[in-house]
């Protein structure tokens, strides 16, 4: 029952997404945001320890 419902409903949903270009733009923006998030987290993981050492040195000199 559920499978037959999904098989009849999925082509209609796919057609609606193809007809609506906003969905494509939203997906593109989501992919860009995901790539940027990975880059930010990767950079924070790489730079974080050295930045922490720098802040600790500055704090100890004050």
N, C-alpha and C. Protein backbone atom coordinates (compact mmCIF):
# COMPACT_ATOMS: atom_id res chain seq x y z
N UNK A 1 0.82 -1.18 0.00
CA UNK A 1 0.00 0.00 0.00
C UNK A 1 0.87 1.26 0.00
N UNK A 2 1.83 1.34 0.93
CA UNK A 2 2.71 2.48 1.02
C UNK A 2 3.61 2.57 -0.21
N UNK A 3 4.10 1.45 -0.65
CA UNK A 3 4.97 1.43 -1.82
C UNK A 3 4.22 1.90 -3.06
N UNK A 4 3.01 1.44 -3.24
CA UNK A 4 2.25 1.87 -4.42
C UNK A 4 1.94 3.37 -4.34
N UNK A 5 1.67 3.87 -3.14
CA UNK A 5 1.43 5.30 -2.97
C UNK A 5 2.68 6.10 -3.35
N UNK A 6 3.84 5.64 -2.85
CA UNK A 6 5.08 6.34 -3.16
C UNK A 6 5.41 6.28 -4.64
N UNK A 7 5.16 5.14 -5.27
CA UNK A 7 5.45 5.01 -6.69
C UNK A 7 4.56 5.91 -7.55
N UNK A 8 3.36 6.17 -7.10
CA UNK A 8 2.50 7.08 -7.86
C UNK A 8 2.79 8.53 -7.53
N UNK A 9 3.26 8.79 -6.33
CA UNK A 9 3.48 10.17 -5.88
C UNK A 9 4.84 10.73 -6.29
N UNK A 10 5.88 9.88 -6.33
CA UNK A 10 7.22 10.35 -6.63
C UNK A 10 7.34 10.99 -8.01
N UNK A 11 6.78 10.43 -9.07
CA UNK A 11 6.89 11.10 -10.36
C UNK A 11 6.24 12.49 -10.36
N UNK A 12 5.14 12.65 -9.66
CA UNK A 12 4.50 13.96 -9.59
C UNK A 12 5.39 14.96 -8.85
N UNK A 13 5.99 14.52 -7.76
CA UNK A 13 6.89 15.40 -7.01
C UNK A 13 8.11 15.77 -7.84
N UNK A 14 8.65 14.80 -8.56
CA UNK A 14 9.82 15.07 -9.41
C UNK A 14 9.46 16.08 -10.49
N UNK A 15 8.29 15.96 -11.07
CA UNK A 15 7.86 16.90 -12.09
C UNK A 15 7.68 18.31 -11.51
N UNK A 16 7.14 18.39 -10.31
CA UNK A 16 6.95 19.69 -9.68
C UNK A 16 8.30 20.35 -9.39
N UNK A 17 9.28 19.55 -8.97
CA UNK A 17 10.60 20.12 -8.68
C UNK A 17 11.30 20.56 -9.96
N UNK A 18 11.09 19.82 -11.05
CA UNK A 18 11.69 20.21 -12.32
C UNK A 18 11.06 21.50 -12.83
N UNK A 19 9.77 21.65 -12.63
CA UNK A 19 9.06 22.82 -13.13
C UNK A 19 9.39 24.06 -12.29
N UNK A 20 9.71 23.87 -11.03
CA UNK A 20 9.98 24.99 -10.13
C UNK A 20 11.49 25.16 -10.00
N UNK A 21 12.05 26.19 -10.62
CA UNK A 21 13.50 26.41 -10.61
C UNK A 21 13.99 26.89 -9.25
N UNK A 22 13.10 27.35 -8.40
CA UNK A 22 13.52 27.80 -7.07
C UNK A 22 14.11 26.65 -6.26
N UNK A 23 13.60 25.44 -6.49
CA UNK A 23 14.13 24.29 -5.75
C UNK A 23 15.58 24.03 -6.13
N UNK A 24 15.90 24.20 -7.41
CA UNK A 24 17.28 24.00 -7.86
C UNK A 24 18.18 25.05 -7.22
N UNK A 25 17.75 26.28 -7.18
CA UNK A 25 18.54 27.34 -6.57
C UNK A 25 18.72 27.08 -5.08
N UNK A 26 17.69 26.61 -4.41
CA UNK A 26 17.80 26.31 -2.98
C UNK A 26 18.80 25.18 -2.74
N UNK A 27 18.78 24.19 -3.60
CA UNK A 27 19.72 23.08 -3.45
C UNK A 27 21.15 23.57 -3.69
N UNK A 28 21.34 24.42 -4.69
CA UNK A 28 22.67 24.96 -4.95
C UNK A 28 23.18 25.75 -3.75
N UNK A 29 22.32 26.58 -3.17
CA UNK A 29 22.73 27.35 -2.00
C UNK A 29 23.02 26.43 -0.81
N UNK A 30 22.28 25.38 -0.67
CA UNK A 30 22.53 24.43 0.42
C UNK A 30 23.89 23.75 0.25
N UNK A 31 24.22 23.40 -0.99
CA UNK A 31 25.52 22.77 -1.25
C UNK A 31 26.65 23.75 -0.97
N UNK A 32 26.49 25.00 -1.40
CA UNK A 32 27.51 26.01 -1.14
C UNK A 32 27.68 26.22 0.36
N UNK A 33 26.58 26.29 1.10
CA UNK A 33 26.65 26.48 2.55
C UNK A 33 27.34 25.29 3.22
N UNK A 34 27.07 24.08 2.74
CA UNK A 34 27.70 22.89 3.33
C UNK A 34 29.21 22.91 3.08
N UNK A 35 29.63 23.28 1.88
CA UNK A 35 31.07 23.34 1.57
C UNK A 35 31.74 24.41 2.42
N UNK A 36 31.08 25.55 2.57
CA UNK A 36 31.65 26.61 3.40
C UNK A 36 31.75 26.18 4.86
N UNK A 37 30.76 25.45 5.36
CA UNK A 37 30.80 24.98 6.75
C UNK A 37 31.96 24.01 6.95
N UNK A 38 32.17 23.12 6.00
CA UNK A 38 33.30 22.18 6.11
C UNK A 38 34.62 22.95 6.11
N UNK A 39 34.73 23.96 5.25
CA UNK A 39 35.95 24.75 5.20
C UNK A 39 36.18 25.51 6.51
N UNK A 40 35.14 26.08 7.07
CA UNK A 40 35.28 26.82 8.33
C UNK A 40 35.68 25.88 9.47
N UNK A 41 35.02 24.74 9.56
CA UNK A 41 35.35 23.81 10.63
C UNK A 41 36.76 23.25 10.46
N UNK A 42 37.14 22.96 9.22
CA UNK A 42 38.50 22.48 8.96
C UNK A 42 39.54 23.52 9.32
N UNK A 43 39.28 24.76 8.94
CA UNK A 43 40.21 25.84 9.27
C UNK A 43 40.29 26.08 10.76
N UNK A 44 39.16 26.03 11.44
CA UNK A 44 39.16 26.23 12.89
C UNK A 44 39.93 25.12 13.59
N UNK A 45 39.80 23.91 13.08
CA UNK A 45 40.52 22.79 13.69
C UNK A 45 42.02 22.93 13.47
N UNK A 46 42.41 23.46 12.31
CA UNK A 46 43.83 23.61 12.00
C UNK A 46 44.43 24.81 12.72
N UNK A 47 43.75 25.92 12.71
CA UNK A 47 44.29 27.17 13.26
C UNK A 47 44.03 27.29 14.76
N UNK A 48 43.03 26.60 15.26
CA UNK A 48 42.61 26.73 16.65
C UNK A 48 43.71 26.57 17.68
N UNK A 49 44.47 25.49 17.64
CA UNK A 49 45.51 25.31 18.67
C UNK A 49 46.58 26.41 18.65
N UNK A 50 47.04 26.81 17.47
CA UNK A 50 48.06 27.86 17.43
C UNK A 50 47.49 29.19 17.87
N UNK A 51 46.25 29.45 17.56
CA UNK A 51 45.60 30.68 17.99
C UNK A 51 45.43 30.69 19.51
N UNK A 52 45.14 29.54 20.07
CA UNK A 52 45.01 29.43 21.53
C UNK A 52 46.34 29.72 22.21
N UNK A 53 47.42 29.21 21.66
CA UNK A 53 48.74 29.47 22.23
C UNK A 53 49.06 30.96 22.17
N UNK A 54 48.74 31.59 21.05
CA UNK A 54 49.00 33.02 20.89
C UNK A 54 48.22 33.82 21.92
N UNK A 55 46.94 33.52 22.10
CA UNK A 55 46.14 34.24 23.09
C UNK A 55 46.66 34.00 24.50
N UNK A 56 47.09 32.81 24.80
CA UNK A 56 47.65 32.52 26.13
C UNK A 56 48.94 33.32 26.37
N UNK A 57 49.78 33.44 25.36
CA UNK A 57 51.00 34.23 25.49
C UNK A 57 50.68 35.70 25.73
N UNK A 58 49.73 36.23 24.98
CA UNK A 58 49.33 37.61 25.16
C UNK A 58 48.75 37.83 26.56
N UNK A 59 47.92 36.89 27.02
CA UNK A 59 47.32 37.02 28.34
C UNK A 59 48.37 36.95 29.43
N UNK A 60 49.37 36.10 29.27
CA UNK A 60 50.40 35.98 30.31
C UNK A 60 51.30 37.22 30.34
N UNK A 61 51.47 37.88 29.21
CA UNK A 61 52.29 39.10 29.19
C UNK A 61 51.54 40.30 29.73
N UNK A 62 50.25 40.25 29.73
CA UNK A 62 49.49 41.37 30.28
C UNK A 62 49.49 41.26 31.78
